[in-house]
PDB file of all heavy atoms in Angstrom:
ATOM      1  N   ILE A   1      -3.273   9.448 -21.581  1.00  0.00           N
ATOM      2  CA  ILE A   1      -3.197   8.935 -20.239  1.00  0.00           C
ATOM      3  C   ILE A   1      -2.724   7.490 -20.260  1.00  0.00           C
ATOM      4  O   ILE A   1      -3.338   6.638 -20.890  1.00  0.00           O
ATOM      5  CB  ILE A   1      -4.560   9.062 -19.519  1.00  0.00           C
ATOM      6  CG1 ILE A   1      -5.081  10.489 -19.522  1.00  0.00           C
ATOM      7  CG2 ILE A   1      -4.484   8.520 -18.083  1.00  0.00           C
ATOM      8  CD1 ILE A   1      -6.581  10.590 -19.162  1.00  0.00           C
ATOM      9  N   ILE A   2      -1.656   7.220 -19.528  1.00  0.00           N
ATOM     10  CA  ILE A   2      -1.126   5.867 -19.483  1.00  0.00           C
ATOM     11  C   ILE A   2      -1.974   5.044 -18.529  1.00  0.00           C
ATOM     12  O   ILE A   2      -2.162   5.403 -17.376  1.00  0.00           O
ATOM     13  CB  ILE A   2       0.348   5.845 -19.043  1.00  0.00           C
ATOM     14  CG1 ILE A   2       1.168   6.693 -20.086  1.00  0.00           C
ATOM     15  CG2 ILE A   2       0.880   4.409 -18.961  1.00  0.00           C
ATOM     16  CD1 ILE A   2       2.633   6.914 -19.670  1.00  0.00           C
ATOM     17  N   ILE A   3      -2.550   3.889 -19.055  1.00  0.00           N
ATOM     18  CA  ILE A   3      -3.355   3.022 -18.259  1.00  0.00           C
ATOM     19  C   ILE A   3      -2.857   1.591 -18.325  1.00  0.00           C
ATOM     20  O   ILE A   3      -2.134   1.226 -19.226  1.00  0.00           O
ATOM     21  CB  ILE A   3      -4.844   3.055 -18.701  1.00  0.00           C
ATOM     22  CG1 ILE A   3      -4.975   2.659 -20.158  1.00  0.00           C
ATOM     23  CG2 ILE A   3      -5.475   4.409 -18.410  1.00  0.00           C
ATOM     24  CD1 ILE A   3      -6.381   2.446 -20.653  1.00  0.00           C
ATOM     25  N   ASP A   4      -3.260   0.779 -17.325  1.00  0.00           N
ATOM     26  CA  ASP A   4      -2.946  -0.662 -17.414  1.00  0.00           C
ATOM     27  C   ASP A   4      -4.164  -1.442 -17.942  1.00  0.00           C
ATOM     28  O   ASP A   4      -5.102  -0.778 -18.461  1.00  0.00           O
ATOM     29  CB  ASP A   4      -2.507  -1.147 -16.012  1.00  0.00           C
ATOM     30  CG  ASP A   4      -3.618  -1.076 -14.994  1.00  0.00           C
ATOM     31  OD1 ASP A   4      -4.817  -0.922 -15.348  1.00  0.00           O
ATOM     32  OD2 ASP A   4      -3.290  -1.271 -13.799  1.00  0.00           O
ATOM     33  N   GLU A   5      -4.097  -2.744 -17.892  1.00  0.00           N
ATOM     34  CA  GLU A   5      -5.133  -3.576 -18.466  1.00  0.00           C
ATOM     35  C   GLU A   5      -6.477  -3.379 -17.815  1.00  0.00           C
ATOM     36  O   GLU A   5      -7.501  -3.809 -18.331  1.00  0.00           O
ATOM     37  CB  GLU A   5      -4.739  -5.033 -18.535  1.00  0.00           C
ATOM     38  CG  GLU A   5      -4.615  -5.702 -17.164  1.00  0.00           C
ATOM     39  CD  GLU A   5      -3.281  -5.395 -16.454  1.00  0.00           C
ATOM     40  OE1 GLU A   5      -2.447  -4.751 -17.008  1.00  0.00           O
ATOM     41  OE2 GLU A   5      -3.241  -5.823 -15.296  1.00  0.00           O
ATOM     42  N   ARG A   6      -6.517  -2.783 -16.662  1.00  0.00           N
ATOM     43  CA  ARG A   6      -7.788  -2.508 -15.922  1.00  0.00           C
ATOM     44  C   ARG A   6      -8.200  -1.059 -15.979  1.00  0.00           C
ATOM     45  O   ARG A   6      -9.009  -0.631 -15.232  1.00  0.00           O
ATOM     46  CB  ARG A   6      -7.587  -2.996 -14.453  1.00  0.00           C
ATOM     47  CG  ARG A   6      -7.416  -4.492 -14.370  1.00  0.00           C
ATOM     48  CD  ARG A   6      -7.105  -4.946 -12.887  1.00  0.00           C
ATOM     49  NE  ARG A   6      -8.027  -4.431 -11.915  1.00  0.00           N
ATOM     50  CZ  ARG A   6      -9.202  -5.026 -11.595  1.00  0.00           C
ATOM     51  NH1 ARG A   6      -9.613  -6.105 -12.253  1.00  0.00           N
ATOM     52  NH2 ARG A   6     -10.009  -4.507 -10.710  1.00  0.00           N
ATOM     53  N   ASN A   7      -7.505  -0.329 -16.805  1.00  0.00           N
ATOM     54  CA  ASN A   7      -7.794   1.114 -17.046  1.00  0.00           C
ATOM     55  C   ASN A   7      -7.368   1.978 -15.835  1.00  0.00           C
ATOM     56  O   ASN A   7      -7.776   3.130 -15.741  1.00  0.00           O
ATOM     57  CB  ASN A   7      -9.256   1.390 -17.376  1.00  0.00           C
ATOM     58  CG  ASN A   7      -9.635   0.783 -18.721  1.00  0.00           C
ATOM     59  OD1 ASN A   7      -9.839  -0.394 -18.837  1.00  0.00           O
ATOM     60  ND2 ASN A   7      -9.715   1.628 -19.705  1.00  0.00           N
ATOM     61  N   GLU A   8      -6.519   1.471 -14.979  1.00  0.00           N
ATOM     62  CA  GLU A   8      -6.056   2.247 -13.859  1.00  0.00           C
ATOM     63  C   GLU A   8      -4.807   3.057 -14.270  1.00  0.00           C
ATOM     64  O   GLU A   8      -3.955   2.575 -15.021  1.00  0.00           O
ATOM     65  CB  GLU A   8      -5.726   1.369 -12.668  1.00  0.00           C
ATOM     66  CG  GLU A   8      -5.472   2.184 -11.389  1.00  0.00           C
ATOM     67  CD  GLU A   8      -5.445   1.260 -10.105  1.00  0.00           C
ATOM     68  OE1 GLU A   8      -5.274   0.076 -10.230  1.00  0.00           O
ATOM     69  OE2 GLU A   8      -5.616   1.868  -9.072  1.00  0.00           O
ATOM     70  N   THR A   9      -4.739   4.271 -13.800  1.00  0.00           N
ATOM     71  CA  THR A   9      -3.582   5.146 -14.045  1.00  0.00           C
ATOM     72  C   THR A   9      -2.544   4.807 -12.991  1.00  0.00           C
ATOM     73  O   THR A   9      -2.642   3.905 -12.168  1.00  0.00           O
ATOM     74  CB  THR A   9      -3.961   6.576 -13.920  1.00  0.00           C
ATOM     75  OG1 THR A   9      -4.326   6.913 -12.585  1.00  0.00           O
ATOM     76  CG2 THR A   9      -5.160   6.916 -14.862  1.00  0.00           C
ATOM     77  N   ASN A  10      -1.461   5.582 -12.961  1.00  0.00           N
ATOM     78  CA  ASN A  10      -0.405   5.421 -11.968  1.00  0.00           C
ATOM     79  C   ASN A  10      -0.872   5.877 -10.587  1.00  0.00           C
ATOM     80  O   ASN A  10      -0.199   5.561  -9.600  1.00  0.00           O
ATOM     81  CB  ASN A  10       0.858   6.137 -12.401  1.00  0.00           C
ATOM     82  CG  ASN A  10       0.656   7.676 -12.415  1.00  0.00           C
ATOM     83  OD1 ASN A  10      -0.215   8.171 -13.163  1.00  0.00           O
ATOM     84  ND2 ASN A  10       1.417   8.396 -11.660  1.00  0.00           N
ATOM     85  N   VAL A  11      -2.011   6.533 -10.538  1.00  0.00           N
ATOM     86  CA  VAL A  11      -2.568   6.993  -9.233  1.00  0.00           C
ATOM     87  C   VAL A  11      -3.604   5.979  -8.804  1.00  0.00           C
ATOM     88  O   VAL A  11      -4.606   5.764  -9.522  1.00  0.00           O
ATOM     89  CB  VAL A  11      -3.210   8.422  -9.352  1.00  0.00           C
ATOM     90  CG1 VAL A  11      -3.823   8.849  -8.033  1.00  0.00           C
ATOM     91  CG2 VAL A  11      -2.114   9.424  -9.817  1.00  0.00           C
ATOM     92  N   LYS A  12      -3.382   5.310  -7.693  1.00  0.00           N
ATOM     93  CA  LYS A  12      -4.320   4.283  -7.215  1.00  0.00           C
ATOM     94  C   LYS A  12      -5.713   4.846  -7.061  1.00  0.00           C
ATOM     95  O   LYS A  12      -5.925   5.948  -6.539  1.00  0.00           O
ATOM     96  CB  LYS A  12      -3.844   3.759  -5.854  1.00  0.00           C
ATOM     97  CG  LYS A  12      -2.606   2.882  -5.917  1.00  0.00           C
ATOM     98  CD  LYS A  12      -2.848   1.639  -6.699  1.00  0.00           C
ATOM     99  CE  LYS A  12      -1.627   0.803  -6.866  1.00  0.00           C
ATOM    100  NZ  LYS A  12      -1.651  -0.078  -8.000  1.00  0.00           N
ATOM    101  N   GLY A  13      -6.655   4.159  -7.619  1.00  0.00           N
ATOM    102  CA  GLY A  13      -8.063   4.552  -7.530  1.00  0.00           C
ATOM    103  C   GLY A  13      -8.516   5.554  -8.632  1.00  0.00           C
ATOM    104  O   GLY A  13      -9.656   5.960  -8.672  1.00  0.00           O
ATOM    105  N   VAL A  14      -7.595   5.914  -9.535  1.00  0.00           N
ATOM    106  CA  VAL A  14      -7.959   6.786 -10.618  1.00  0.00           C
ATOM    107  C   VAL A  14      -7.909   5.978 -11.943  1.00  0.00           C
ATOM    108  O   VAL A  14      -6.886   5.420 -12.262  1.00  0.00           O
ATOM    109  CB  VAL A  14      -6.974   8.006 -10.712  1.00  0.00           C
ATOM    110  CG1 VAL A  14      -7.304   8.911 -11.937  1.00  0.00           C
ATOM    111  CG2 VAL A  14      -7.084   8.871  -9.422  1.00  0.00           C
ATOM    112  N   PHE A  15      -9.016   5.971 -12.631  1.00  0.00           N
ATOM    113  CA  PHE A  15      -9.179   5.197 -13.847  1.00  0.00           C
ATOM    114  C   PHE A  15      -9.500   6.134 -15.030  1.00  0.00           C
ATOM    115  O   PHE A  15     -10.039   7.167 -14.799  1.00  0.00           O
ATOM    116  CB  PHE A  15     -10.334   4.140 -13.655  1.00  0.00           C
ATOM    117  CG  PHE A  15     -10.018   3.193 -12.528  1.00  0.00           C
ATOM    118  CD1 PHE A  15     -10.319   3.525 -11.211  1.00  0.00           C
ATOM    119  CD2 PHE A  15      -9.423   1.987 -12.788  1.00  0.00           C
ATOM    120  CE1 PHE A  15     -10.015   2.668 -10.170  1.00  0.00           C
ATOM    121  CE2 PHE A  15      -9.127   1.072 -11.751  1.00  0.00           C
ATOM    122  CZ  PHE A  15      -9.430   1.435 -10.434  1.00  0.00           C
ATOM    123  N   ALA A  16      -9.166   5.672 -16.203  1.00  0.00           N
ATOM    124  CA  ALA A  16      -9.431   6.473 -17.428  1.00  0.00           C
ATOM    125  C   ALA A  16      -9.859   5.561 -18.565  1.00  0.00           C
ATOM    126  O   ALA A  16      -9.503   4.360 -18.585  1.00  0.00           O
ATOM    127  CB  ALA A  16      -8.187   7.281 -17.796  1.00  0.00           C
ATOM    128  N   ALA A  17     -10.552   6.111 -19.496  1.00  0.00           N
ATOM    129  CA  ALA A  17     -11.011   5.315 -20.638  1.00  0.00           C
ATOM    130  C   ALA A  17     -11.185   6.242 -21.874  1.00  0.00           C
ATOM    131  O   ALA A  17     -11.367   7.468 -21.718  1.00  0.00           O
ATOM    132  CB  ALA A  17     -12.344   4.647 -20.344  1.00  0.00           C
ATOM    133  N   GLY A  18     -11.138   5.664 -23.051  1.00  0.00           N
ATOM    134  CA  GLY A  18     -11.471   6.404 -24.274  1.00  0.00           C
ATOM    135  C   GLY A  18     -10.259   6.784 -25.046  1.00  0.00           C
ATOM    136  O   GLY A  18      -9.116   6.364 -24.793  1.00  0.00           O
ATOM    137  N   ASP A  19     -10.461   7.656 -26.001  1.00  0.00           N
ATOM    138  CA  ASP A  19      -9.408   8.071 -26.942  1.00  0.00           C
ATOM    139  C   ASP A  19      -8.299   8.879 -26.280  1.00  0.00           C
ATOM    140  O   ASP A  19      -7.273   9.033 -26.894  1.00  0.00           O
ATOM    141  CB  ASP A  19     -10.001   8.859 -28.082  1.00  0.00           C
ATOM    142  CG  ASP A  19     -10.898   8.020 -29.012  1.00  0.00           C
ATOM    143  OD1 ASP A  19     -10.957   6.808 -28.787  1.00  0.00           O
ATOM    144  OD2 ASP A  19     -11.469   8.603 -29.942  1.00  0.00           O
ATOM    145  N   CYS A  20      -8.514   9.381 -25.072  1.00  0.00           N
ATOM    146  CA  CYS A  20      -7.443  10.113 -24.385  1.00  0.00           C
ATOM    147  C   CYS A  20      -6.477   9.203 -23.673  1.00  0.00           C
ATOM    148  O   CYS A  20      -5.518   9.698 -23.074  1.00  0.00           O
ATOM    149  CB  CYS A  20      -8.085  11.079 -23.338  1.00  0.00           C
ATOM    150  SG  CYS A  20      -8.947  10.267 -22.042  1.00  0.00           S
ATOM    151  N   THR A  21      -6.657   7.887 -23.761  1.00  0.00           N
ATOM    152  CA  THR A  21      -5.739   6.907 -23.113  1.00  0.00           C
ATOM    153  C   THR A  21      -4.846   6.260 -24.140  1.00  0.00           C
ATOM    154  O   THR A  21      -4.957   6.420 -25.362  1.00  0.00           O
ATOM    155  CB  THR A  21      -6.533   5.845 -22.372  1.00  0.00           C
ATOM    156  OG1 THR A  21      -7.196   5.007 -23.285  1.00  0.00           O
ATOM    157  CG2 THR A  21      -7.546   6.490 -21.389  1.00  0.00           C
ATOM    158  N   THR A  22      -3.966   5.403 -23.593  1.00  0.00           N
ATOM    159  CA  THR A  22      -3.018   4.700 -24.444  1.00  0.00           C
ATOM    160  C   THR A  22      -3.619   3.456 -25.126  1.00  0.00           C
ATOM    161  O   THR A  22      -2.887   2.739 -25.809  1.00  0.00           O
ATOM    162  CB  THR A  22      -1.782   4.251 -23.624  1.00  0.00           C
ATOM    163  OG1 THR A  22      -2.211   3.525 -22.464  1.00  0.00           O
ATOM    164  CG2 THR A  22      -0.965   5.423 -23.205  1.00  0.00           C
ATOM    165  N   VAL A  23      -4.864   3.246 -24.934  1.00  0.00           N
ATOM    166  CA  VAL A  23      -5.519   2.097 -25.632  1.00  0.00           C
ATOM    167  C   VAL A  23      -5.410   2.260 -27.114  1.00  0.00           C
ATOM    168  O   VAL A  23      -5.579   3.381 -27.670  1.00  0.00           O
ATOM    169  CB  VAL A  23      -6.995   1.918 -25.168  1.00  0.00           C
ATOM    170  CG1 VAL A  23      -7.877   3.039 -25.680  1.00  0.00           C
ATOM    171  CG2 VAL A  23      -7.557   0.607 -25.586  1.00  0.00           C
ATOM    172  N   PRO A  24      -5.035   1.237 -27.857  1.00  0.00           N
ATOM    173  CA  PRO A  24      -4.911   1.323 -29.292  1.00  0.00           C
ATOM    174  C   PRO A  24      -6.300   1.374 -29.979  1.00  0.00           C
ATOM    175  O   PRO A  24      -7.269   1.047 -29.341  1.00  0.00           O
ATOM    176  CB  PRO A  24      -4.173   0.082 -29.704  1.00  0.00           C
ATOM    177  CG  PRO A  24      -4.434  -0.930 -28.623  1.00  0.00           C
ATOM    178  CD  PRO A  24      -4.645  -0.128 -27.361  1.00  0.00           C
ATOM    179  N   TYR A  25      -6.280   1.748 -31.215  1.00  0.00           N
ATOM    180  CA  TYR A  25      -7.464   1.753 -32.058  1.00  0.00           C
ATOM    181  C   TYR A  25      -8.536   2.705 -31.561  1.00  0.00           C
ATOM    182  O   TYR A  25      -9.457   2.295 -30.870  1.00  0.00           O
ATOM    183  CB  TYR A  25      -8.068   0.345 -32.245  1.00  0.00           C
ATOM    184  CG  TYR A  25      -7.010  -0.693 -32.571  1.00  0.00           C
ATOM    185  CD1 TYR A  25      -6.732  -1.740 -31.711  1.00  0.00           C
ATOM    186  CD2 TYR A  25      -6.271  -0.600 -33.743  1.00  0.00           C
ATOM    187  CE1 TYR A  25      -5.770  -2.666 -32.041  1.00  0.00           C
ATOM    188  CE2 TYR A  25      -5.346  -1.503 -34.073  1.00  0.00           C
ATOM    189  CZ  TYR A  25      -5.049  -2.573 -33.191  1.00  0.00           C
ATOM    190  OH  TYR A  25      -4.084  -3.487 -33.485  1.00  0.00           O
ATOM    191  N   LYS A  26      -8.371   3.949 -31.865  1.00  0.00           N
ATOM    192  CA  LYS A  26      -9.276   5.019 -31.428  1.00  0.00           C
ATOM    193  C   LYS A  26     -10.581   4.902 -32.228  1.00  0.00           C
ATOM    194  O   LYS A  26     -10.704   5.519 -33.315  1.00  0.00           O
ATOM    195  CB  LYS A  26      -8.615   6.415 -31.580  1.00  0.00           C
ATOM    196  CG  LYS A  26      -7.220   6.507 -31.056  1.00  0.00           C
ATOM    197  CD  LYS A  26      -7.152   6.288 -29.579  1.00  0.00           C
ATOM    198  CE  LYS A  26      -5.785   6.654 -29.015  1.00  0.00           C
ATOM    199  NZ  LYS A  26      -5.458   6.027 -27.804  1.00  0.00           N
ATOM    200  N   GLN A  27     -11.535   4.188 -31.687  1.00  0.00           N
ATOM    201  CA  GLN A  27     -12.829   3.983 -32.335  1.00  0.00           C
ATOM    202  C   GLN A  27     -13.910   4.119 -31.251  1.00  0.00           C
ATOM    203  O   GLN A  27     -13.659   3.704 -30.126  1.00  0.00           O
ATOM    204  CB  GLN A  27     -12.915   2.625 -32.999  1.00  0.00           C
ATOM    205  CG  GLN A  27     -11.885   2.368 -34.088  1.00  0.00           C
ATOM    206  CD  GLN A  27     -12.193   3.200 -35.324  1.00  0.00           C
ATOM    207  OE1 GLN A  27     -13.298   3.373 -35.738  1.00  0.00           O
ATOM    208  NE2 GLN A  27     -11.137   3.772 -35.933  1.00  0.00           N
ATOM    209  N   ILE A  28     -15.081   4.601 -31.638  1.00  0.00           N
ATOM    210  CA  ILE A  28     -16.168   4.798 -30.704  1.00  0.00           C
ATOM    211  C   ILE A  28     -16.502   3.447 -29.982  1.00  0.00           C
ATOM    212  O   ILE A  28     -16.642   3.429 -28.728  1.00  0.00           O
ATOM    213  CB  ILE A  28     -17.404   5.311 -31.410  1.00  0.00           C
ATOM    214  CG1 ILE A  28     -17.126   6.756 -31.879  1.00  0.00           C
ATOM    215  CG2 ILE A  28     -18.632   5.259 -30.499  1.00  0.00           C
ATOM    216  CD1 ILE A  28     -18.235   7.322 -32.733  1.00  0.00           C
ATOM    217  N   ILE A  29     -16.612   2.397 -30.692  1.00  0.00           N
ATOM    218  CA  ILE A  29     -17.006   1.115 -30.066  1.00  0.00           C
ATOM    219  C   ILE A  29     -15.945   0.661 -29.065  1.00  0.00           C
ATOM    220  O   ILE A  29     -16.294   0.094 -28.012  1.00  0.00           O
ATOM    221  CB  ILE A  29     -17.273   0.043 -31.117  1.00  0.00           C
ATOM    222  CG1 ILE A  29     -17.941  -1.209 -30.502  1.00  0.00           C
ATOM    223  CG2 ILE A  29     -16.012  -0.365 -31.886  1.00  0.00           C
ATOM    224  CD1 ILE A  29     -19.299  -0.980 -30.036  1.00  0.00           C
ATOM    225  N   ILE A  30     -14.674   0.920 -29.309  1.00  0.00           N
ATOM    226  CA  ILE A  30     -13.640   0.561 -28.379  1.00  0.00           C
ATOM    227  C   ILE A  30     -13.670   1.419 -27.149  1.00  0.00           C
ATOM    228  O   ILE A  30     -13.567   0.976 -26.036  1.00  0.00           O
ATOM    229  CB  ILE A  30     -12.245   0.580 -29.082  1.00  0.00           C
ATOM    230  CG1 ILE A  30     -12.244  -0.606 -30.135  1.00  0.00           C
ATOM    231  CG2 ILE A  30     -11.126   0.408 -28.075  1.00  0.00           C
ATOM    232  CD1 ILE A  30     -11.029  -0.535 -31.053  1.00  0.00           C
ATOM    233  N   ALA A  31     -13.865   2.735 -27.396  1.00  0.00           N
ATOM    234  CA  ALA A  31     -13.942   3.671 -26.255  1.00  0.00           C
ATOM    235  C   ALA A  31     -15.123   3.312 -25.340  1.00  0.00           C
ATOM    236  O   ALA A  31     -15.043   3.425 -24.145  1.00  0.00           O
ATOM    237  CB  ALA A  31     -14.075   5.093 -26.766  1.00  0.00           C
ATOM    238  N   THR A  32     -16.220   2.902 -25.951  1.00  0.00           N
ATOM    239  CA  THR A  32     -17.403   2.501 -25.159  1.00  0.00           C
ATOM    240  C   THR A  32     -17.071   1.322 -24.289  1.00  0.00           C
ATOM    241  O   THR A  32     -17.400   1.274 -23.036  1.00  0.00           O
ATOM    242  CB  THR A  32     -18.567   2.149 -26.096  1.00  0.00           C
ATOM    243  OG1 THR A  32     -18.839   3.328 -26.917  1.00  0.00           O
ATOM    244  CG2 THR A  32     -19.805   1.843 -25.334  1.00  0.00           C
ATOM    245  N   GLY A  33     -16.455   0.335 -24.850  1.00  0.00           N
ATOM    246  CA  GLY A  33     -16.054  -0.881 -24.077  1.00  0.00           C
ATOM    247  C   GLY A  33     -15.075  -0.559 -23.000  1.00  0.00           C
ATOM    248  O   GLY A  33     -15.146  -1.046 -21.866  1.00  0.00           O
ATOM    249  N   GLU A  34     -14.122   0.315 -23.328  1.00  0.00           N
ATOM    250  CA  GLU A  34     -13.127   0.732 -22.306  1.00  0.00           C
ATOM    251  C   GLU A  34     -13.786   1.502 -21.190  1.00  0.00           C
ATOM    252  O   GLU A  34     -13.361   1.397 -20.053  1.00  0.00           O
ATOM    253  CB  GLU A  34     -12.033   1.584 -22.978  1.00  0.00           C
ATOM    254  CG  GLU A  34     -11.102   0.801 -23.897  1.00  0.00           C
ATOM    255  CD  GLU A  34     -10.294  -0.204 -23.150  1.00  0.00           C
ATOM    256  OE1 GLU A  34      -9.505   0.219 -22.227  1.00  0.00           O
ATOM    257  OE2 GLU A  34     -10.325  -1.339 -23.453  1.00  0.00           O
ATOM    258  N   GLY A  35     -14.800   2.298 -21.484  1.00  0.00           N
ATOM    259  CA  GLY A  35     -15.551   3.011 -20.420  1.00  0.00           C
ATOM    260  C   GLY A  35     -16.195   2.058 -19.452  1.00  0.00           C
ATOM    261  O   GLY A  35     -16.159   2.213 -18.229  1.00  0.00           O
ATOM    262  N   ALA A  36     -16.831   0.962 -20.033  1.00  0.00           N
ATOM    263  CA  ALA A  36     -17.442  -0.052 -19.187  1.00  0.00           C
ATOM    264  C   ALA A  36     -16.395  -0.752 -18.293  1.00  0.00           C
ATOM    265  O   ALA A  36     -16.591  -0.966 -17.108  1.00  0.00           O
ATOM    266  CB  ALA A  36     -18.188  -1.067 -20.034  1.00  0.00           C
ATOM    267  N   LYS A  37     -15.240  -1.071 -18.917  1.00  0.00           N
ATOM    268  CA  LYS A  37     -14.167  -1.720 -18.201  1.00  0.00           C
ATOM    269  C   LYS A  37     -13.622  -0.827 -17.080  1.00  0.00           C
ATOM    270  O   LYS A  37     -13.389  -1.347 -15.970  1.00  0.00           O
ATOM    271  CB  LYS A  37     -13.037  -2.109 -19.168  1.00  0.00           C
ATOM    272  CG  LYS A  37     -12.051  -3.056 -18.620  1.00  0.00           C
ATOM    273  CD  LYS A  37     -11.170  -3.662 -19.678  1.00  0.00           C
ATOM    274  CE  LYS A  37     -10.128  -2.671 -20.169  1.00  0.00           C
ATOM    275  NZ  LYS A  37      -9.090  -3.234 -21.003  1.00  0.00           N
ATOM    276  N   ALA A  38     -13.437   0.475 -17.370  1.00  0.00           N
ATOM    277  CA  ALA A  38     -12.969   1.378 -16.367  1.00  0.00           C
ATOM    278  C   ALA A  38     -13.969   1.545 -15.205  1.00  0.00           C
ATOM    279  O   ALA A  38     -13.591   1.511 -14.030  1.00  0.00           O
ATOM    280  CB  ALA A  38     -12.695   2.758 -16.957  1.00  0.00           C
ATOM    281  N   ALA A  39     -15.259   1.539 -15.540  1.00  0.00           N
ATOM    282  CA  ALA A  39     -16.315   1.636 -14.491  1.00  0.00           C
ATOM    283  C   ALA A  39     -16.277   0.381 -13.606  1.00  0.00           C
ATOM    284  O   ALA A  39     -16.420   0.476 -12.371  1.00  0.00           O
ATOM    285  CB  ALA A  39     -17.672   1.858 -15.121  1.00  0.00           C
ATOM    286  N   LEU A  40     -16.160  -0.768 -14.242  1.00  0.00           N
ATOM    287  CA  LEU A  40     -16.130  -2.024 -13.436  1.00  0.00           C
ATOM    288  C   LEU A  40     -14.858  -2.080 -12.612  1.00  0.00           C
ATOM    289  O   LEU A  40     -14.918  -2.521 -11.438  1.00  0.00           O
ATOM    290  CB  LEU A  40     -16.215  -3.225 -14.400  1.00  0.00           C
ATOM    291  CG  LEU A  40     -17.555  -3.431 -15.041  1.00  0.00           C
ATOM    292  CD1 LEU A  40     -17.464  -4.450 -16.162  1.00  0.00           C
ATOM    293  CD2 LEU A  40     -18.632  -3.813 -14.031  1.00  0.00           C
ATOM    294  N   SER A  41     -13.788  -1.599 -13.129  1.00  0.00           N
ATOM    295  CA  SER A  41     -12.517  -1.614 -12.357  1.00  0.00           C
ATOM    296  C   SER A  41     -12.620  -0.657 -11.167  1.00  0.00           C
ATOM    297  O   SER A  41     -12.152  -0.938 -10.072  1.00  0.00           O
ATOM    298  CB  SER A  41     -11.358  -1.230 -13.249  1.00  0.00           C
ATOM    299  OG  SER A  41     -11.108  -2.235 -14.253  1.00  0.00           O
ATOM    300  N   ALA A  42     -13.218   0.522 -11.403  1.00  0.00           N
ATOM    301  CA  ALA A  42     -13.388   1.495 -10.294  1.00  0.00           C
ATOM    302  C   ALA A  42     -14.332   0.918  -9.263  1.00  0.00           C
ATOM    303  O   ALA A  42     -14.075   1.040  -8.062  1.00  0.00           O
ATOM    304  CB  ALA A  42     -13.958   2.799 -10.872  1.00  0.00           C
TER     305      ALA A  42
END
């Protein structure tokens, strides 16, 4: 899933996080942080 720096997709109001996104370094600790970031952005 292509996301921006706030974890938003191309669809306004739809956010994504974790290993299924374009975020580099597929690691649990990174996915956890990305989940928090996506929740705050949402």
